[in-house]
Structure formats: structure tokens, C-alpha cells
Amino acid sequence: MDRIQKFLLKLDRDRRSIYMEIFQDIRILNLGRYDVQPLKGFKGLFRLRKGKIKIVFTKQNNMGFIVNADFRGGVYKGI
């Protein structure tokens, strides 16, 4: 089981469906309504913040790929 699946299992059903929708938006790079910023010190990595949760992703070939998702500070471990 990868990190993203473990993160999703920590959430209740309602939040899980919200974040699954956000993951789909990242996949198709529909990011206009989110707080997205590039990560300092990492070329090509971005972070999306929604409440206390941050999602780190990269963009390649007009698609978004999620690297990690977790609560605040824990998201940057292992990048």
C-alpha cells in the first residue's frame, strides 16, 4: 500500500470523497480554485493546500502526478 492510500484511509468517508475529487483535479490540472504554489528548492514540484492537508505533486505532459499527501508538516518527509 502506498503513501497516498494510507493517507486516504486516515480520513472519514466525507473527507475522503472531497480529496478524491481534488486528486482528480490535480490529474487533469484543473487547479484554478485551489491554493497552489511551487515548492522552494525543488524544481518542478508544487504543493496544493486545502485546510490542514497539503498535497505535493508534479506536472508532466499536461498531467499532474501526486507525489505525497498528508497533514501539514508530514507531507515533506521523504521527498
PDB file of N, CA and C in Angstrom:
ATOM      1  N   MET A   1       0.857  -1.179   0.000  1.00  0.00           N
ATOM      2  CA  MET A   1       0.000   0.000   0.000  1.00  0.00           C
ATOM      3  C   MET A   1       0.901   1.239   0.000  1.00  0.00           C
ATOM      4  N   ASP A   2       0.634   2.154  -0.906  1.00  0.00           N
ATOM      5  CA  ASP A   2       1.476   3.342  -0.991  1.00  0.00           C
ATOM      6  C   ASP A   2       1.019   4.431  -0.014  1.00  0.00           C
ATOM      7  N   ARG A   3       1.796   5.512   0.025  1.00  0.00           N
ATOM      8  CA  ARG A   3       1.542   6.598   0.980  1.00  0.00           C
ATOM      9  C   ARG A   3       0.195   7.273   0.765  1.00  0.00           C
ATOM     10  N   ILE A   4      -0.222   7.424  -0.471  1.00  0.00           N
ATOM     11  CA  ILE A   4      -1.481   8.099  -0.770  1.00  0.00           C
ATOM     12  C   ILE A   4      -2.656   7.275  -0.244  1.00  0.00           C
ATOM     13  N   GLN A   5      -2.619   5.975  -0.444  1.00  0.00           N
ATOM     14  CA  GLN A   5      -3.690   5.121   0.050  1.00  0.00           C
ATOM     15  C   GLN A   5      -3.748   5.131   1.573  1.00  0.00           C
ATOM     16  N   LYS A   6      -2.601   5.111   2.233  1.00  0.00           N
ATOM     17  CA  LYS A   6      -2.563   5.171   3.691  1.00  0.00           C
ATOM     18  C   LYS A   6      -3.156   6.482   4.193  1.00  0.00           C
ATOM     19  N   PHE A   7      -2.827   7.571   3.494  1.00  0.00           N
ATOM     20  CA  PHE A   7      -3.378   8.871   3.871  1.00  0.00           C
ATOM     21  C   PHE A   7      -4.895   8.866   3.757  1.00  0.00           C
ATOM     22  N   LEU A   8      -5.413   8.342   2.660  1.00  0.00           N
ATOM     23  CA  LEU A   8      -6.862   8.330   2.446  1.00  0.00           C
ATOM     24  C   LEU A   8      -7.584   7.471   3.492  1.00  0.00           C
ATOM     25  N   LEU A   9      -6.943   6.416   3.949  1.00  0.00           N
ATOM     26  CA  LEU A   9      -7.572   5.562   4.958  1.00  0.00           C
ATOM     27  C   LEU A   9      -7.661   6.248   6.320  1.00  0.00           C
ATOM     28  N   LYS A  10      -6.857   7.276   6.549  1.00  0.00           N
ATOM     29  CA  LYS A  10      -6.907   8.038   7.798  1.00  0.00           C
ATOM     30  C   LYS A  10      -8.146   8.931   7.867  1.00  0.00           C
ATOM     31  N   LEU A  11      -8.725   9.242   6.715  1.00  0.00           N
ATOM     32  CA  LEU A  11      -9.824  10.200   6.643  1.00  0.00           C
ATOM     33  C   LEU A  11     -11.181   9.516   6.776  1.00  0.00           C
ATOM     34  N   ASP A  12     -12.182  10.293   7.225  1.00  0.00           N
ATOM     35  CA  ASP A  12     -13.538   9.763   7.236  1.00  0.00           C
ATOM     36  C   ASP A  12     -14.097   9.766   5.806  1.00  0.00           C
ATOM     37  N   ARG A  13     -15.248   9.169   5.620  1.00  0.00           N
ATOM     38  CA  ARG A  13     -15.802   8.974   4.278  1.00  0.00           C
ATOM     39  C   ARG A  13     -16.043  10.293   3.539  1.00  0.00           C
ATOM     40  N   ASP A  14     -16.582  11.299   4.237  1.00  0.00           N
ATOM     41  CA  ASP A  14     -16.872  12.576   3.582  1.00  0.00           C
ATOM     42  C   ASP A  14     -15.603  13.270   3.106  1.00  0.00           C
ATOM     43  N   ARG A  15     -14.609  13.345   3.984  1.00  0.00           N
ATOM     44  CA  ARG A  15     -13.343  13.978   3.581  1.00  0.00           C
ATOM     45  C   ARG A  15     -12.653  13.185   2.483  1.00  0.00           C
ATOM     46  N   ARG A  16     -12.740  11.865   2.554  1.00  0.00           N
ATOM     47  CA  ARG A  16     -12.102  11.031   1.543  1.00  0.00           C
ATOM     48  C   ARG A  16     -12.672  11.344   0.163  1.00  0.00           C
ATOM     49  N   SER A  17     -13.973  11.517   0.054  1.00  0.00           N
ATOM     50  CA  SER A  17     -14.571  11.821  -1.248  1.00  0.00           C
ATOM     51  C   SER A  17     -14.155  13.212  -1.727  1.00  0.00           C
ATOM     52  N   ILE A  18     -14.016  14.162  -0.809  1.00  0.00           N
ATOM     53  CA  ILE A  18     -13.553  15.507  -1.178  1.00  0.00           C
ATOM     54  C   ILE A  18     -12.145  15.440  -1.737  1.00  0.00           C
ATOM     55  N   TYR A  19     -11.256  14.699  -1.072  1.00  0.00           N
ATOM     56  CA  TYR A  19      -9.873  14.629  -1.535  1.00  0.00           C
ATOM     57  C   TYR A  19      -9.713  13.779  -2.779  1.00  0.00           C
ATOM     58  N   MET A  20     -10.582  12.822  -2.987  1.00  0.00           N
ATOM     59  CA  MET A  20     -10.548  12.071  -4.245  1.00  0.00           C
ATOM     60  C   MET A  20     -10.889  13.004  -5.411  1.00  0.00           C
ATOM     61  N   GLU A  21     -11.827  13.916  -5.191  1.00  0.00           N
ATOM     62  CA  GLU A  21     -12.164  14.911  -6.211  1.00  0.00           C
ATOM     63  C   GLU A  21     -10.975  15.839  -6.474  1.00  0.00           C
ATOM     64  N   ILE A  22     -10.289  16.243  -5.420  1.00  0.00           N
ATOM     65  CA  ILE A  22      -9.103  17.094  -5.579  1.00  0.00           C
ATOM     66  C   ILE A  22      -8.020  16.349  -6.338  1.00  0.00           C
ATOM     67  N   PHE A  23      -7.818  15.057  -6.033  1.00  0.00           N
ATOM     68  CA  PHE A  23      -6.827  14.258  -6.764  1.00  0.00           C
ATOM     69  C   PHE A  23      -7.164  14.200  -8.251  1.00  0.00           C
ATOM     70  N   GLN A  24      -8.449  14.095  -8.588  1.00  0.00           N
ATOM     71  CA  GLN A  24      -8.854  14.087  -9.996  1.00  0.00           C
ATOM     72  C   GLN A  24      -8.555  15.437 -10.655  1.00  0.00           C
ATOM     73  N   ASP A  25      -8.802  16.532  -9.923  1.00  0.00           N
ATOM     74  CA  ASP A  25      -8.491  17.853 -10.460  1.00  0.00           C
ATOM     75  C   ASP A  25      -6.993  18.019 -10.689  1.00  0.00           C
ATOM     76  N   ILE A  26      -6.175  17.487  -9.803  1.00  0.00           N
ATOM     77  CA  ILE A  26      -4.723  17.543  -9.994  1.00  0.00           C
ATOM     78  C   ILE A  26      -4.344  16.739 -11.228  1.00  0.00           C
ATOM     79  N   ARG A  27      -4.938  15.591 -11.391  1.00  0.00           N
ATOM     80  CA  ARG A  27      -4.610  14.718 -12.529  1.00  0.00           C
ATOM     81  C   ARG A  27      -4.848  15.420 -13.864  1.00  0.00           C
ATOM     82  N   ILE A  28      -5.934  16.204 -13.956  1.00  0.00           N
ATOM     83  CA  ILE A  28      -6.226  16.903 -15.208  1.00  0.00           C
ATOM     84  C   ILE A  28      -5.776  18.372 -15.169  1.00  0.00           C
ATOM     85  N   LEU A  29      -5.077  18.746 -14.110  1.00  0.00           N
ATOM     86  CA  LEU A  29      -4.530  20.097 -13.915  1.00  0.00           C
ATOM     87  C   LEU A  29      -5.613  21.177 -13.942  1.00  0.00           C
ATOM     88  N   ASN A  30      -6.730  20.905 -13.318  1.00  0.00           N
ATOM     89  CA  ASN A  30      -7.809  21.870 -13.143  1.00  0.00           C
ATOM     90  C   ASN A  30      -7.618  22.494 -11.762  1.00  0.00           C
ATOM     91  N   LEU A  31      -6.682  23.449 -11.648  1.00  0.00           N
ATOM     92  CA  LEU A  31      -6.226  23.933 -10.349  1.00  0.00           C
ATOM     93  C   LEU A  31      -6.620  25.367 -10.036  1.00  0.00           C
ATOM     94  N   GLY A  32      -7.515  25.958 -10.806  1.00  0.00           N
ATOM     95  CA  GLY A  32      -7.868  27.363 -10.649  1.00  0.00           C
ATOM     96  C   GLY A  32      -8.456  27.733  -9.304  1.00  0.00           C
ATOM     97  N   ARG A  33      -9.158  26.821  -8.663  1.00  0.00           N
ATOM     98  CA  ARG A  33      -9.830  27.158  -7.409  1.00  0.00           C
ATOM     99  C   ARG A  33      -9.058  26.752  -6.162  1.00  0.00           C
ATOM    100  N   TYR A  34      -7.818  26.303  -6.318  1.00  0.00           N
ATOM    101  CA  TYR A  34      -7.024  25.835  -5.192  1.00  0.00           C
ATOM    102  C   TYR A  34      -5.827  26.757  -4.935  1.00  0.00           C
ATOM    103  N   ASP A  35      -5.303  26.649  -3.726  1.00  0.00           N
ATOM    104  CA  ASP A  35      -4.093  27.373  -3.331  1.00  0.00           C
ATOM    105  C   ASP A  35      -2.889  26.520  -3.724  1.00  0.00           C
ATOM    106  N   VAL A  36      -2.289  26.836  -4.871  1.00  0.00           N
ATOM    107  CA  VAL A  36      -1.159  26.073  -5.393  1.00  0.00           C
ATOM    108  C   VAL A  36       0.059  26.979  -5.483  1.00  0.00           C
ATOM    109  N   GLN A  37       1.194  26.480  -4.988  1.00  0.00           N
ATOM    110  CA  GLN A  37       2.447  27.218  -5.077  1.00  0.00           C
ATOM    111  C   GLN A  37       3.587  26.261  -5.372  1.00  0.00           C
ATOM    112  N   PRO A  38       4.618  26.739  -6.085  1.00  0.00           N
ATOM    113  CA  PRO A  38       5.782  25.878  -6.314  1.00  0.00           C
ATOM    114  C   PRO A  38       6.563  25.697  -5.015  1.00  0.00           C
ATOM    115  N   LEU A  39       7.169  24.523  -4.852  1.00  0.00           N
ATOM    116  CA  LEU A  39       7.983  24.265  -3.672  1.00  0.00           C
ATOM    117  C   LEU A  39       9.358  24.887  -3.860  1.00  0.00           C
ATOM    118  N   LYS A  40       9.801  25.602  -2.875  1.00  0.00           N
ATOM    119  CA  LYS A  40      11.130  26.213  -2.931  1.00  0.00           C
ATOM    120  C   LYS A  40      12.182  25.124  -2.755  1.00  0.00           C
ATOM    121  N   GLY A  41      13.209  25.177  -3.592  1.00  0.00           N
ATOM    122  CA  GLY A  41      14.293  24.215  -3.500  1.00  0.00           C
ATOM    123  C   GLY A  41      14.059  22.931  -4.279  1.00  0.00           C
ATOM    124  N   PHE A  42      12.893  22.777  -4.882  1.00  0.00           N
ATOM    125  CA  PHE A  42      12.572  21.589  -5.669  1.00  0.00           C
ATOM    126  C   PHE A  42      12.034  22.031  -7.019  1.00  0.00           C
ATOM    127  N   LYS A  43      12.761  21.742  -8.057  1.00  0.00           N
ATOM    128  CA  LYS A  43      12.325  22.134  -9.388  1.00  0.00           C
ATOM    129  C   LYS A  43      11.221  21.203  -9.882  1.00  0.00           C
ATOM    130  N   GLY A  44      10.112  21.786 -10.289  1.00  0.00           N
ATOM    131  CA  GLY A  44       9.018  21.021 -10.863  1.00  0.00           C
ATOM    132  C   GLY A  44       8.029  20.439  -9.861  1.00  0.00           C
ATOM    133  N   LEU A  45       8.211  20.715  -8.572  1.00  0.00           N
ATOM    134  CA  LEU A  45       7.261  20.231  -7.570  1.00  0.00           C
ATOM    135  C   LEU A  45       6.384  21.375  -7.091  1.00  0.00           C
ATOM    136  N   PHE A  46       5.117  21.069  -6.862  1.00  0.00           N
ATOM    137  CA  PHE A  46       4.151  22.066  -6.412  1.00  0.00           C
ATOM    138  C   PHE A  46       3.428  21.515  -5.195  1.00  0.00           C
ATOM    139  N   ARG A  47       2.850  22.418  -4.412  1.00  0.00           N
ATOM    140  CA  ARG A  47       2.035  21.992  -3.288  1.00  0.00           C
ATOM    141  C   ARG A  47       0.665  22.628  -3.395  1.00  0.00           C
ATOM    142  N   LEU A  48      -0.332  21.839  -3.063  1.00  0.00           N
ATOM    143  CA  LEU A  48      -1.703  22.302  -3.021  1.00  0.00           C
ATOM    144  C   LEU A  48      -2.146  22.203  -1.569  1.00  0.00           C
ATOM    145  N   ARG A  49      -2.695  23.287  -1.052  1.00  0.00           N
ATOM    146  CA  ARG A  49      -3.125  23.301   0.344  1.00  0.00           C
ATOM    147  C   ARG A  49      -4.637  23.411   0.390  1.00  0.00           C
ATOM    148  N   LYS A  50      -5.248  22.532   1.157  1.00  0.00           N
ATOM    149  CA  LYS A  50      -6.693  22.544   1.378  1.00  0.00           C
ATOM    150  C   LYS A  50      -6.904  22.273   2.866  1.00  0.00           C
ATOM    151  N   GLY A  51      -7.171  23.334   3.623  1.00  0.00           N
ATOM    152  CA  GLY A  51      -7.317  23.192   5.064  1.00  0.00           C
ATOM    153  C   GLY A  51      -5.988  22.836   5.698  1.00  0.00           C
ATOM    154  N   LYS A  52      -5.968  21.796   6.513  1.00  0.00           N
ATOM    155  CA  LYS A  52      -4.741  21.358   7.182  1.00  0.00           C
ATOM    156  C   LYS A  52      -3.962  20.344   6.363  1.00  0.00           C
ATOM    157  N   ILE A  53      -4.455  20.030   5.194  1.00  0.00           N
ATOM    158  CA  ILE A  53      -3.842  18.987   4.378  1.00  0.00           C
ATOM    159  C   ILE A  53      -3.115  19.605   3.190  1.00  0.00           C
ATOM    160  N   LYS A  54      -1.921  19.070   2.920  1.00  0.00           N
ATOM    161  CA  LYS A  54      -1.139  19.514   1.769  1.00  0.00           C
ATOM    162  C   LYS A  54      -0.880  18.328   0.858  1.00  0.00           C
ATOM    163  N   ILE A  55      -0.895  18.625  -0.427  1.00  0.00           N
ATOM    164  CA  ILE A  55      -0.647  17.612  -1.445  1.00  0.00           C
ATOM    165  C   ILE A  55       0.506  18.105  -2.303  1.00  0.00           C
ATOM    166  N   VAL A  56       1.543  17.292  -2.441  1.00  0.00           N
ATOM    167  CA  VAL A  56       2.695  17.632  -3.272  1.00  0.00           C
ATOM    168  C   VAL A  56       2.538  16.872  -4.584  1.00  0.00           C
ATOM    169  N   PHE A  57       2.701  17.606  -5.690  1.00  0.00           N
ATOM    170  CA  PHE A  57       2.537  16.971  -6.996  1.00  0.00           C
ATOM    171  C   PHE A  57       3.493  17.587  -7.996  1.00  0.00           C
ATOM    172  N   THR A  58       3.609  16.930  -9.135  1.00  0.00           N
ATOM    173  CA  THR A  58       4.437  17.405 -10.237  1.00  0.00           C
ATOM    174  C   THR A  58       3.588  17.420 -11.504  1.00  0.00           C
ATOM    175  N   LYS A  59       4.005  18.221 -12.464  1.00  0.00           N
ATOM    176  CA  LYS A  59       3.308  18.311 -13.747  1.00  0.00           C
ATOM    177  C   LYS A  59       4.206  17.736 -14.832  1.00  0.00           C
ATOM    178  N   GLN A  60       3.650  16.813 -15.619  1.00  0.00           N
ATOM    179  CA  GLN A  60       4.386  16.226 -16.735  1.00  0.00           C
ATOM    180  C   GLN A  60       3.410  15.926 -17.861  1.00  0.00           C
ATOM    181  N   ASN A  61       3.752  16.338 -19.057  1.00  0.00           N
ATOM    182  CA  ASN A  61       2.952  16.038 -20.247  1.00  0.00           C
ATOM    183  C   ASN A  61       1.476  16.402 -20.064  1.00  0.00           C
ATOM    184  N   ASN A  62       1.211  17.607 -19.573  1.00  0.00           N
ATOM    185  CA  ASN A  62      -0.150  18.115 -19.366  1.00  0.00           C
ATOM    186  C   ASN A  62      -0.984  17.250 -18.419  1.00  0.00           C
ATOM    187  N   MET A  63      -0.321  16.582 -17.486  1.00  0.00           N
ATOM    188  CA  MET A  63      -0.999  15.793 -16.457  1.00  0.00           C
ATOM    189  C   MET A  63      -0.314  16.053 -15.121  1.00  0.00           C
ATOM    190  N   GLY A  64      -1.063  15.907 -14.054  1.00  0.00           N
ATOM    191  CA  GLY A  64      -0.500  16.043 -12.724  1.00  0.00           C
ATOM    192  C   GLY A  64      -0.321  14.684 -12.070  1.00  0.00           C
ATOM    193  N   PHE A  65       0.798  14.507 -11.357  1.00  0.00           N
ATOM    194  CA  PHE A  65       1.098  13.263 -10.672  1.00  0.00           C
ATOM    195  C   PHE A  65       1.361  13.565  -9.206  1.00  0.00           C
ATOM    196  N   ILE A  66       0.628  12.913  -8.323  1.00  0.00           N
ATOM    197  CA  ILE A  66       0.740  13.166  -6.892  1.00  0.00           C
ATOM    198  C   ILE A  66       1.953  12.437  -6.347  1.00  0.00           C
ATOM    199  N   VAL A  67       2.791  13.189  -5.617  1.00  0.00           N
ATOM    200  CA  VAL A  67       3.985  12.627  -5.002  1.00  0.00           C
ATOM    201  C   VAL A  67       3.676  12.197  -3.572  1.00  0.00           C
ATOM    202  N   ASN A  68       2.986  13.049  -2.824  1.00  0.00           N
ATOM    203  CA  ASN A  68       2.659  12.746  -1.441  1.00  0.00           C
ATOM    204  C   ASN A  68       1.480  13.597  -0.997  1.00  0.00           C
ATOM    205  N   ALA A  69       0.752  13.125  -0.003  1.00  0.00           N
ATOM    206  CA  ALA A  69      -0.353  13.871   0.599  1.00  0.00           C
ATOM    207  C   ALA A  69      -0.388  13.525   2.074  1.00  0.00           C
ATOM    208  N   ASP A  70      -0.501  14.555   2.910  1.00  0.00           N
ATOM    209  CA  ASP A  70      -0.539  14.319   4.356  1.00  0.00           C
ATOM    210  C   ASP A  70      -0.917  15.614   5.056  1.00  0.00           C
ATOM    211  N   PHE A  71      -1.036  15.518   6.365  1.00  0.00           N
ATOM    212  CA  PHE A  71      -1.323  16.699   7.163  1.00  0.00           C
ATOM    213  C   PHE A  71      -0.069  17.558   7.271  1.00  0.00           C
ATOM    214  N   ARG A  72      -0.204  18.821   7.124  1.00  0.00           N
ATOM    215  CA  ARG A  72       0.808  19.865   7.191  1.00  0.00           C
ATOM    216  C   ARG A  72       2.253  19.399   7.065  1.00  0.00           C
ATOM    217  N   GLY A  73       3.039  19.424   8.133  1.00  0.00           N
ATOM    218  CA  GLY A  73       4.485  19.170   8.065  1.00  0.00           C
ATOM    219  C   GLY A  73       4.887  17.786   7.619  1.00  0.00           C
ATOM    220  N   GLY A  74       4.038  16.799   7.811  1.00  0.00           N
ATOM    221  CA  GLY A  74       4.378  15.431   7.454  1.00  0.00           C
ATOM    222  C   GLY A  74       4.477  15.173   5.974  1.00  0.00           C
ATOM    223  N   VAL A  75       3.943  16.060   5.181  1.00  0.00           N
ATOM    224  CA  VAL A  75       3.910  15.856   3.734  1.00  0.00           C
ATOM    225  C   VAL A  75       5.313  15.968   3.113  1.00  0.00           C
ATOM    226  N   TYR A  76       6.198  16.705   3.746  1.00  0.00           N
ATOM    227  CA  TYR A  76       7.521  16.944   3.149  1.00  0.00           C
ATOM    228  C   TYR A  76       8.542  15.868   3.498  1.00  0.00           C
ATOM    229  N   LYS A  77       8.219  14.964   4.385  1.00  0.00           N
ATOM    230  CA  LYS A  77       9.150  13.888   4.755  1.00  0.00           C
ATOM    231  C   LYS A  77       9.234  12.894   3.617  1.00  0.00           C
ATOM    232  N   GLY A  78      10.442  12.557   3.224  1.00  0.00           N
ATOM    233  CA  GLY A  78      10.638  11.557   2.198  1.00  0.00           C
ATOM    234  C   GLY A  78      10.586  12.056   0.769  1.00  0.00           C
ATOM    235  N   ILE A  79      10.575  13.371   0.584  1.00  0.00           N
ATOM    236  CA  ILE A  79      10.558  13.899  -0.792  1.00  0.00           C
ATOM    237  C   ILE A  79      11.973  14.072  -1.269  1.00  0.00           C
TER     238      ILE A  79
END
